[in-house]
């Protein structure tokens, strides 16, 4: 199991702050799980992270990592990972299917049944190729956003089921903050000619490449006399692919002092690498990802709090709230509202009240109200 490092702290307003946005050393931030003070550790060996001034709390130790980013084992135990690698080799690196796999590897979505493949009936899925470095960057870029959302969905459902569980709420807040940070980063690839040696640098940045290049030039000048940099590729919002590139091409890594994002390839090898990267489609964010980007849940919480304060103030001043007495709203008009129409679609698709509430970002009370209105419209009993 890969060590999980806390990369999100909370400021005095309980707003999440990334380790990338603070200086090394003591901070004014506190732990989202236990409230203890945090120290920013930004050395050259371990991943930059926050540490407790005392013992690390259980919440921080067990917080959810970003799959296929913080590590690439996809929750496989050491023995299972060894088995997966053995199957990869016996399949001639995915060229042929294998005759049998353990139920757990199949249940994890690492293999799929295909009786028409030569050599057996079980073939590697895209997910199954990640731990063995067998998935192209193009396909990884398409699959990885879905993998990143899986823990989010689990945490979101758990948080809805246990709204009073502060540890689960903190875990969800931290995971969303990690995703929000990652979504804002871009992937780049550079060709570097340094003292007669050709290197390739990859990286992620939240800035424009023009702002990053002078820093790269300065870092390389420490190690080389002559440095020429040519940008080859810049992929917006594809920073999530950077670590998989480093993992997939670890055998080609060429450290430059403490700098670890440089690689060497033959001309023919890199032509294939660059072609793979260029095929990666433009990043498109779905509804949930867009909400995470915009910190929708936190804003909605503040909006509801402000509405409640306004209602309380209005009542204190003797004002009447709501529709005029005796007025009603037509059921069809009510169900046609965009937010309610989405809930109707989810309910008709067979989702439970709680699941529909999580997906739509609504309260269970709202979903139940929509369900009753729908039952009235269809002249069906509300079960």
Foldseek 3Di string as FASTA:
>chain_A
DDWAAAQWWAAPVRAIDGLVPDDAFFDRTAHLAPRAGWGWDDDLPDDTHIDGPDDDDPLRRPFDDQELFSDPPLPDDPVRLVVLLVLCVVCVNQVFAEADDDPVCVVSVQWDAQQVTPHHGITGDLSVNLSVLRHFLQVCLVCRVVSRCPVLLVLLLVCLVCVPPSSSVSSNSSSLVVLLVLQQKKKWKKWKQFPNDIKIFIAIDNDDVVVVVVVVVVVCVVQGVDIDIDTDDMAGRSRSSQVSVCVSVVVQWDDDVSRTGMGDDDPVVVVVNSVSVVSRDHDDDDPVSVCSNVVVVVVVVVVVVVVVVVVVVCVVVVHDDDDPPPDDDDLVVVCPPVLNVQLVVCVVVPDDLSSSCSVSVHHSVVSLVSQCSVCVVVVHDRD
